[in-house]
Amino acid sequence: MTIKNLLIDFDDTLVDFHDAEAYAFDKLTKNYNLKTNKADLEVFMKVNQAHWDAFQKNELTKDEVLSKRFEAYFKLHGLVIDGSEADYIFRDELANAPIKHFTNTVETLDILKDNYDLYIVTNGVLETQERRIEKTNIGHWFKGVFVSEQTGYQKPMPEFFDYVFDKIGEEKREESMIIGDSVTSDILGGKNAEIVTCWFNPRKKVNETTIRPDYTISALDEIVAHIQ
């Protein structure tokens, strides 16, 4: 199969989301005069992930996730806060966070852009993601940016990818690959869309699911060997 189109996830694929999340979490908790450390961040990340998992199971709406994740976390510290306000502060600080790329990401994209059509496919809030992508200075290398809020669907839903291919051309589906860090979002989404999948795994995580990517890489430059 010839690959001509690369659908690339943004958070923890093109940029280090953990770094930005730590920055935003620190700014947020200081706003509420709460002293936190790395262990507190890890607790928040688990609370946050649990809420997004509930969203994927249709147990919570997106708006409920955005607010309730903070209400649940601060409740652990005996604080009652306005979840919507906390979400606004957090996402604003996410957009303000310094951009950190993984090894060889920018250099590889600079090479790929001349021979492949590149697209960003990301879950998240449109305004926040647009601000963050703009800060990277690599957005102009992509022929399109697709954010879940914009599409009305969330990866791994097949409707998300149907929206993408409706915009870029259904004929491109059979020559497309998705690259992303999340097995349950990017890889499963790619499987649902019937396109080639590549798991970006720089942190050497163990895949504890039954979902099997077609390829696995730990740095973006390793993708070249799989698509030439």
C-alpha atoms as a PDB file:
ATOM      1  CA  MET A   1       0.000   0.000   0.000  1.00  0.00           C
ATOM      2  CA  THR A   2       1.303   3.463  -0.946  1.00  0.00           C
ATOM      3  CA  ILE A   3       1.007   6.090   1.777  1.00  0.00           C
ATOM      4  CA  LYS A   4       0.505   9.645   0.569  1.00  0.00           C
ATOM      5  CA  ASN A   5      -1.415  11.247   3.430  1.00  0.00           C
ATOM      6  CA  LEU A   6      -0.397  11.446   7.076  1.00  0.00           C
ATOM      7  CA  LEU A   7      -3.005  12.218   9.726  1.00  0.00           C
ATOM      8  CA  ILE A   8      -1.001  13.213  12.784  1.00  0.00           C
ATOM      9  CA  ASP A   9      -2.263  13.668  16.323  1.00  0.00           C
ATOM     10  CA  PHE A  10      -1.202  16.864  18.098  1.00  0.00           C
ATOM     11  CA  ASP A  11      -0.957  16.326  21.861  1.00  0.00           C
ATOM     12  CA  ASP A  12       1.844  13.964  22.884  1.00  0.00           C
ATOM     13  CA  THR A  13       2.666  13.308  19.236  1.00  0.00           C
ATOM     14  CA  LEU A  14       3.674  16.601  17.655  1.00  0.00           C
ATOM     15  CA  VAL A  15       4.151  18.315  21.023  1.00  0.00           C
ATOM     16  CA  ASP A  16       4.792  17.158  24.576  1.00  0.00           C
ATOM     17  CA  PHE A  17       1.382  17.574  26.191  1.00  0.00           C
ATOM     18  CA  HIS A  18       2.585  16.404  29.599  1.00  0.00           C
ATOM     19  CA  ASP A  19       4.927  19.389  29.729  1.00  0.00           C
ATOM     20  CA  ALA A  20       2.148  21.835  28.835  1.00  0.00           C
ATOM     21  CA  GLU A  21      -0.278  20.148  31.241  1.00  0.00           C
ATOM     22  CA  ALA A  22       2.199  20.465  34.116  1.00  0.00           C
ATOM     23  CA  TYR A  23       2.628  24.160  33.327  1.00  0.00           C
ATOM     24  CA  ALA A  24      -1.121  24.816  33.215  1.00  0.00           C
ATOM     25  CA  PHE A  25      -1.789  22.744  36.347  1.00  0.00           C
ATOM     26  CA  ASP A  26       0.807  24.723  38.304  1.00  0.00           C
ATOM     27  CA  LYS A  27      -0.700  28.050  37.197  1.00  0.00           C
ATOM     28  CA  LEU A  28      -4.236  26.865  37.965  1.00  0.00           C
ATOM     29  CA  THR A  29      -3.566  25.568  41.466  1.00  0.00           C
ATOM     30  CA  LYS A  30      -1.618  28.708  42.363  1.00  0.00           C
ATOM     31  CA  ASN A  31      -4.659  30.714  41.312  1.00  0.00           C
ATOM     32  CA  TYR A  32      -6.619  28.907  44.025  1.00  0.00           C
ATOM     33  CA  ASN A  33      -3.745  29.211  46.539  1.00  0.00           C
ATOM     34  CA  LEU A  34      -3.216  25.461  46.529  1.00  0.00           C
ATOM     35  CA  LYS A  35       0.326  24.189  46.900  1.00  0.00           C
ATOM     36  CA  THR A  36       0.921  21.135  44.708  1.00  0.00           C
ATOM     37  CA  ASN A  37       3.750  18.932  43.538  1.00  0.00           C
ATOM     38  CA  LYS A  38       4.418  16.251  40.921  1.00  0.00           C
ATOM     39  CA  ALA A  39       2.387  13.677  42.866  1.00  0.00           C
ATOM     40  CA  ASP A  40      -0.609  16.032  42.871  1.00  0.00           C
ATOM     41  CA  LEU A  41      -0.277  16.459  39.120  1.00  0.00           C
ATOM     42  CA  GLU A  42      -0.364  12.694  38.675  1.00  0.00           C
ATOM     43  CA  VAL A  43      -3.557  12.519  40.734  1.00  0.00           C
ATOM     44  CA  PHE A  44      -5.131  15.207  38.581  1.00  0.00           C
ATOM     45  CA  MET A  45      -4.096  13.395  35.405  1.00  0.00           C
ATOM     46  CA  LYS A  46      -5.892  10.257  36.622  1.00  0.00           C
ATOM     47  CA  VAL A  47      -9.008  12.242  37.532  1.00  0.00           C
ATOM     48  CA  ASN A  48      -8.886  14.005  34.181  1.00  0.00           C
ATOM     49  CA  GLN A  49      -8.457  10.762  32.221  1.00  0.00           C
ATOM     50  CA  ALA A  50     -11.322   9.120  34.102  1.00  0.00           C
ATOM     51  CA  HIS A  51     -13.631  11.941  33.032  1.00  0.00           C
ATOM     52  CA  TRP A  52     -12.555  11.733  29.373  1.00  0.00           C
ATOM     53  CA  ASP A  53     -13.035   7.953  29.503  1.00  0.00           C
ATOM     54  CA  ALA A  54     -16.573   8.578  30.745  1.00  0.00           C
ATOM     55  CA  PHE A  55     -17.091  10.936  27.822  1.00  0.00           C
ATOM     56  CA  GLN A  56     -15.993   8.275  25.334  1.00  0.00           C
ATOM     57  CA  LYS A  57     -18.562   5.937  26.912  1.00  0.00           C
ATOM     58  CA  ASN A  58     -21.252   8.638  26.554  1.00  0.00           C
ATOM     59  CA  GLU A  59     -21.582   8.845  30.335  1.00  0.00           C
ATOM     60  CA  LEU A  60     -20.701  12.552  30.392  1.00  0.00           C
ATOM     61  CA  THR A  61     -21.053  15.362  27.892  1.00  0.00           C
ATOM     62  CA  LYS A  62     -17.945  17.271  26.840  1.00  0.00           C
ATOM     63  CA  ASP A  63     -19.046  20.346  28.817  1.00  0.00           C
ATOM     64  CA  GLU A  64     -19.527  18.178  31.896  1.00  0.00           C
ATOM     65  CA  VAL A  65     -16.036  16.747  31.488  1.00  0.00           C
ATOM     66  CA  LEU A  66     -14.450  20.175  31.164  1.00  0.00           C
ATOM     67  CA  SER A  67     -15.945  21.430  34.428  1.00  0.00           C
ATOM     68  CA  LYS A  68     -16.475  18.336  36.573  1.00  0.00           C
ATOM     69  CA  ARG A  69     -12.849  17.131  36.268  1.00  0.00           C
ATOM     70  CA  PHE A  70     -11.739  20.217  38.198  1.00  0.00           C
ATOM     71  CA  GLU A  71     -14.588  20.093  40.671  1.00  0.00           C
ATOM     72  CA  ALA A  72     -13.684  16.473  41.429  1.00  0.00           C
ATOM     73  CA  TYR A  73      -9.975  17.201  41.795  1.00  0.00           C
ATOM     74  CA  PHE A  74     -10.309  20.242  44.078  1.00  0.00           C
ATOM     75  CA  LYS A  75     -12.886  18.379  46.169  1.00  0.00           C
ATOM     76  CA  LEU A  76     -10.048  15.999  47.091  1.00  0.00           C
ATOM     77  CA  HIS A  77      -8.453  19.019  48.785  1.00  0.00           C
ATOM     78  CA  GLY A  78     -11.678  20.090  50.474  1.00  0.00           C
ATOM     79  CA  LEU A  79     -12.246  22.967  48.058  1.00  0.00           C
ATOM     80  CA  VAL A  80     -15.479  23.792  46.258  1.00  0.00           C
ATOM     81  CA  ILE A  81     -14.730  25.717  43.073  1.00  0.00           C
ATOM     82  CA  ASP A  82     -16.493  26.808  39.924  1.00  0.00           C
ATOM     83  CA  GLY A  83     -15.522  24.094  37.458  1.00  0.00           C
ATOM     84  CA  SER A  84     -16.220  26.226  34.393  1.00  0.00           C
ATOM     85  CA  GLU A  85     -14.000  29.001  35.734  1.00  0.00           C
ATOM     86  CA  ALA A  86     -11.209  26.532  36.502  1.00  0.00           C
ATOM     87  CA  ASP A  87     -11.514  25.059  33.027  1.00  0.00           C
ATOM     88  CA  TYR A  88     -11.187  28.494  31.422  1.00  0.00           C
ATOM     89  CA  ILE A  89      -8.057  29.261  33.449  1.00  0.00           C
ATOM     90  CA  PHE A  90      -6.528  25.868  32.743  1.00  0.00           C
ATOM     91  CA  ARG A  91      -7.115  25.943  28.988  1.00  0.00           C
ATOM     92  CA  ASP A  92      -5.869  29.516  28.767  1.00  0.00           C
ATOM     93  CA  GLU A  93      -2.655  28.482  30.493  1.00  0.00           C
ATOM     94  CA  LEU A  94      -2.368  25.445  28.217  1.00  0.00           C
ATOM     95  CA  ALA A  95      -2.363  27.836  25.286  1.00  0.00           C
ATOM     96  CA  ASN A  96       0.236  30.003  27.031  1.00  0.00           C
ATOM     97  CA  ALA A  97       2.533  27.094  27.870  1.00  0.00           C
ATOM     98  CA  PRO A  98       5.918  26.942  26.095  1.00  0.00           C
ATOM     99  CA  ILE A  99       5.937  24.495  23.177  1.00  0.00           C
ATOM    100  CA  LYS A 100       8.128  21.441  23.613  1.00  0.00           C
ATOM    101  CA  HIS A 101       8.594  19.003  20.731  1.00  0.00           C
ATOM    102  CA  PHE A 102       9.847  15.433  20.864  1.00  0.00           C
ATOM    103  CA  THR A 103      13.220  14.513  19.380  1.00  0.00           C
ATOM    104  CA  ASN A 104      13.523  15.068  15.606  1.00  0.00           C
ATOM    105  CA  THR A 105       9.852  16.039  15.229  1.00  0.00           C
ATOM    106  CA  VAL A 106      10.320  19.382  13.500  1.00  0.00           C
ATOM    107  CA  GLU A 107      13.207  18.151  11.346  1.00  0.00           C
ATOM    108  CA  THR A 108      11.180  15.144  10.186  1.00  0.00           C
ATOM    109  CA  LEU A 109       8.089  17.199   9.365  1.00  0.00           C
ATOM    110  CA  ASP A 110      10.259  19.532   7.311  1.00  0.00           C
ATOM    111  CA  ILE A 111      11.234  16.529   5.181  1.00  0.00           C
ATOM    112  CA  LEU A 112       7.809  14.896   5.046  1.00  0.00           C
ATOM    113  CA  LYS A 113       5.973  18.037   3.927  1.00  0.00           C
ATOM    114  CA  ASP A 114       7.626  17.904   0.507  1.00  0.00           C
ATOM    115  CA  ASN A 115       6.384  14.411  -0.335  1.00  0.00           C
ATOM    116  CA  TYR A 116       3.224  13.843   1.719  1.00  0.00           C
ATOM    117  CA  ASP A 117       0.003  15.681   2.516  1.00  0.00           C
ATOM    118  CA  LEU A 118       0.044  16.363   6.256  1.00  0.00           C
ATOM    119  CA  TYR A 119      -3.036  16.867   8.426  1.00  0.00           C
ATOM    120  CA  ILE A 120      -3.465  17.435  12.155  1.00  0.00           C
ATOM    121  CA  VAL A 121      -6.258  15.375  13.752  1.00  0.00           C
ATOM    122  CA  THR A 122      -6.807  16.145  17.412  1.00  0.00           C
ATOM    123  CA  ASN A 123      -9.371  15.927  20.164  1.00  0.00           C
ATOM    124  CA  GLY A 124      -9.885  19.053  22.213  1.00  0.00           C
ATOM    125  CA  VAL A 125     -11.422  22.500  22.332  1.00  0.00           C
ATOM    126  CA  LEU A 126     -11.092  24.346  19.018  1.00  0.00           C
ATOM    127  CA  GLU A 127      -9.925  27.729  20.328  1.00  0.00           C
ATOM    128  CA  THR A 128      -7.334  26.217  22.663  1.00  0.00           C
ATOM    129  CA  GLN A 129      -5.916  23.882  20.038  1.00  0.00           C
ATOM    130  CA  GLU A 130      -5.771  26.607  17.398  1.00  0.00           C
ATOM    131  CA  ARG A 131      -3.810  28.867  19.753  1.00  0.00           C
ATOM    132  CA  ARG A 132      -1.388  26.091  20.612  1.00  0.00           C
ATOM    133  CA  ILE A 133      -0.876  25.011  17.000  1.00  0.00           C
ATOM    134  CA  GLU A 134      -0.204  28.607  16.009  1.00  0.00           C
ATOM    135  CA  LYS A 135       2.557  28.799  18.643  1.00  0.00           C
ATOM    136  CA  THR A 136       4.420  25.866  17.105  1.00  0.00           C
ATOM    137  CA  ASN A 137       5.310  27.709  13.893  1.00  0.00           C
ATOM    138  CA  ILE A 138       4.783  24.459  11.954  1.00  0.00           C
ATOM    139  CA  GLY A 139       1.071  24.825  11.289  1.00  0.00           C
ATOM    140  CA  HIS A 140       1.664  26.100   7.747  1.00  0.00           C
ATOM    141  CA  TRP A 141       3.143  22.700   6.826  1.00  0.00           C
ATOM    142  CA  PHE A 142      -0.271  21.069   7.280  1.00  0.00           C
ATOM    143  CA  LYS A 143      -2.928  21.097   4.590  1.00  0.00           C
ATOM    144  CA  GLY A 144      -5.675  20.883   7.173  1.00  0.00           C
ATOM    145  CA  VAL A 145      -6.356  20.902  10.921  1.00  0.00           C
ATOM    146  CA  PHE A 146      -9.283  18.928  12.327  1.00  0.00           C
ATOM    147  CA  VAL A 147     -10.325  19.365  15.968  1.00  0.00           C
ATOM    148  CA  SER A 148     -13.027  17.214  17.546  1.00  0.00           C
ATOM    149  CA  GLU A 149     -15.101  20.228  18.636  1.00  0.00           C
ATOM    150  CA  GLN A 150     -15.093  21.423  15.028  1.00  0.00           C
ATOM    151  CA  THR A 151     -16.095  18.047  13.589  1.00  0.00           C
ATOM    152  CA  GLY A 152     -18.760  17.304  16.174  1.00  0.00           C
ATOM    153  CA  TYR A 153     -17.191  13.922  16.862  1.00  0.00           C
ATOM    154  CA  GLN A 154     -14.342  12.580  18.980  1.00  0.00           C
ATOM    155  CA  LYS A 155     -11.602  10.162  18.030  1.00  0.00           C
ATOM    156  CA  PRO A 156     -11.946   7.133  17.905  1.00  0.00           C
ATOM    157  CA  MET A 157     -15.456   7.591  16.468  1.00  0.00           C
ATOM    158  CA  PRO A 158     -15.589   6.654  12.775  1.00  0.00           C
ATOM    159  CA  GLU A 159     -17.686   9.773  12.171  1.00  0.00           C
ATOM    160  CA  PHE A 160     -14.663  11.915  13.062  1.00  0.00           C
ATOM    161  CA  PHE A 161     -12.710  10.356  10.216  1.00  0.00           C
ATOM    162  CA  ASP A 162     -15.690  10.446   7.880  1.00  0.00           C
ATOM    163  CA  TYR A 163     -15.739  14.208   8.449  1.00  0.00           C
ATOM    164  CA  VAL A 164     -12.010  14.463   7.687  1.00  0.00           C
ATOM    165  CA  PHE A 165     -12.190  12.481   4.464  1.00  0.00           C
ATOM    166  CA  ASP A 166     -15.325  14.313   3.389  1.00  0.00           C
ATOM    167  CA  LYS A 167     -13.237  17.502   3.543  1.00  0.00           C
ATOM    168  CA  ILE A 168      -9.958  16.263   2.049  1.00  0.00           C
ATOM    169  CA  GLY A 169     -11.389  13.705  -0.368  1.00  0.00           C
ATOM    170  CA  GLU A 170     -12.743  10.222   0.238  1.00  0.00           C
ATOM    171  CA  GLU A 171     -10.324   8.863  -2.362  1.00  0.00           C
ATOM    172  CA  LYS A 172      -7.454   9.684   0.018  1.00  0.00           C
ATOM    173  CA  ARG A 173      -8.618   7.205   2.657  1.00  0.00           C
ATOM    174  CA  GLU A 174      -6.919   4.162   1.114  1.00  0.00           C
ATOM    175  CA  GLU A 175      -3.583   5.998   0.966  1.00  0.00           C
ATOM    176  CA  SER A 176      -3.672   7.409   4.503  1.00  0.00           C
ATOM    177  CA  MET A 177      -1.970   6.612   7.797  1.00  0.00           C
ATOM    178  CA  ILE A 178      -2.723   7.955  11.263  1.00  0.00           C
ATOM    179  CA  ILE A 179       0.125   8.565  13.712  1.00  0.00           C
ATOM    180  CA  GLY A 180      -0.725   9.110  17.365  1.00  0.00           C
ATOM    181  CA  ASP A 181       0.175   8.330  20.954  1.00  0.00           C
ATOM    182  CA  SER A 182      -3.193   7.022  22.128  1.00  0.00           C
ATOM    183  CA  VAL A 183      -4.041   3.407  21.420  1.00  0.00           C
ATOM    184  CA  THR A 184      -7.679   3.858  22.406  1.00  0.00           C
ATOM    185  CA  SER A 185      -8.126   7.112  20.506  1.00  0.00           C
ATOM    186  CA  ASP A 186      -5.741   7.308  17.541  1.00  0.00           C
ATOM    187  CA  ILE A 187      -5.073   3.646  16.800  1.00  0.00           C
ATOM    188  CA  LEU A 188      -8.614   2.441  17.441  1.00  0.00           C
ATOM    189  CA  GLY A 189      -9.854   5.427  15.477  1.00  0.00           C
ATOM    190  CA  GLY A 190      -7.619   4.487  12.584  1.00  0.00           C
ATOM    191  CA  LYS A 191      -8.881   0.915  12.727  1.00  0.00           C
ATOM    192  CA  ASN A 192     -12.467   2.176  12.709  1.00  0.00           C
ATOM    193  CA  ALA A 193     -11.649   4.342   9.699  1.00  0.00           C
ATOM    194  CA  GLU A 194      -9.940   1.415   7.947  1.00  0.00           C
ATOM    195  CA  ILE A 195      -6.632   3.234   7.473  1.00  0.00           C
ATOM    196  CA  VAL A 196      -3.057   2.279   8.356  1.00  0.00           C
ATOM    197  CA  THR A 197      -2.123   2.963  11.984  1.00  0.00           C
ATOM    198  CA  CYS A 198       1.144   3.916  13.654  1.00  0.00           C
ATOM    199  CA  TRP A 199       1.500   4.136  17.429  1.00  0.00           C
ATOM    200  CA  PHE A 200       3.839   6.935  18.541  1.00  0.00           C
ATOM    201  CA  ASN A 201       5.269   5.663  21.815  1.00  0.00           C
ATOM    202  CA  PRO A 202       8.280   7.717  22.957  1.00  0.00           C
ATOM    203  CA  ARG A 203       7.667   6.880  26.619  1.00  0.00           C
ATOM    204  CA  LYS A 204       7.783   3.121  25.974  1.00  0.00           C
ATOM    205  CA  LYS A 205       4.326   2.473  27.372  1.00  0.00           C
ATOM    206  CA  VAL A 206       2.965  -1.056  27.503  1.00  0.00           C
ATOM    207  CA  ASN A 207      -0.054  -1.661  25.316  1.00  0.00           C
ATOM    208  CA  GLU A 208      -2.459  -3.410  27.675  1.00  0.00           C
ATOM    209  CA  THR A 209      -5.333  -3.448  25.194  1.00  0.00           C
ATOM    210  CA  THR A 210      -6.269  -5.858  22.423  1.00  0.00           C
ATOM    211  CA  ILE A 211      -5.848  -3.040  19.885  1.00  0.00           C
ATOM    212  CA  ARG A 212      -2.821  -3.683  17.676  1.00  0.00           C
ATOM    213  CA  PRO A 213      -1.234  -0.883  15.614  1.00  0.00           C
ATOM    214  CA  ASP A 214       0.251  -1.677  12.230  1.00  0.00           C
ATOM    215  CA  TYR A 215       3.484   0.041  13.248  1.00  0.00           C
ATOM    216  CA  THR A 216       5.077   1.379  16.433  1.00  0.00           C
ATOM    217  CA  ILE A 217       7.702   4.127  16.622  1.00  0.00           C
ATOM    218  CA  SER A 218       9.426   5.969  19.465  1.00  0.00           C
ATOM    219  CA  ALA A 219      10.496   9.028  17.413  1.00  0.00           C
ATOM    220  CA  LEU A 220       8.832  10.585  14.404  1.00  0.00           C
ATOM    221  CA  ASP A 221      11.809  10.104  12.120  1.00  0.00           C
ATOM    222  CA  GLU A 222      11.293   6.337  12.373  1.00  0.00           C
ATOM    223  CA  ILE A 223       8.122   6.712  10.311  1.00  0.00           C
ATOM    224  CA  VAL A 224      10.128   7.300   7.136  1.00  0.00           C
ATOM    225  CA  ALA A 225      11.123   3.634   6.904  1.00  0.00           C
ATOM    226  CA  HIS A 226       7.451   2.566   7.041  1.00  0.00           C
ATOM    227  CA  ILE A 227       6.023   4.856   4.354  1.00  0.00           C
ATOM    228  CA  GLN A 228       8.654   4.933   1.622  1.00  0.00           C
END
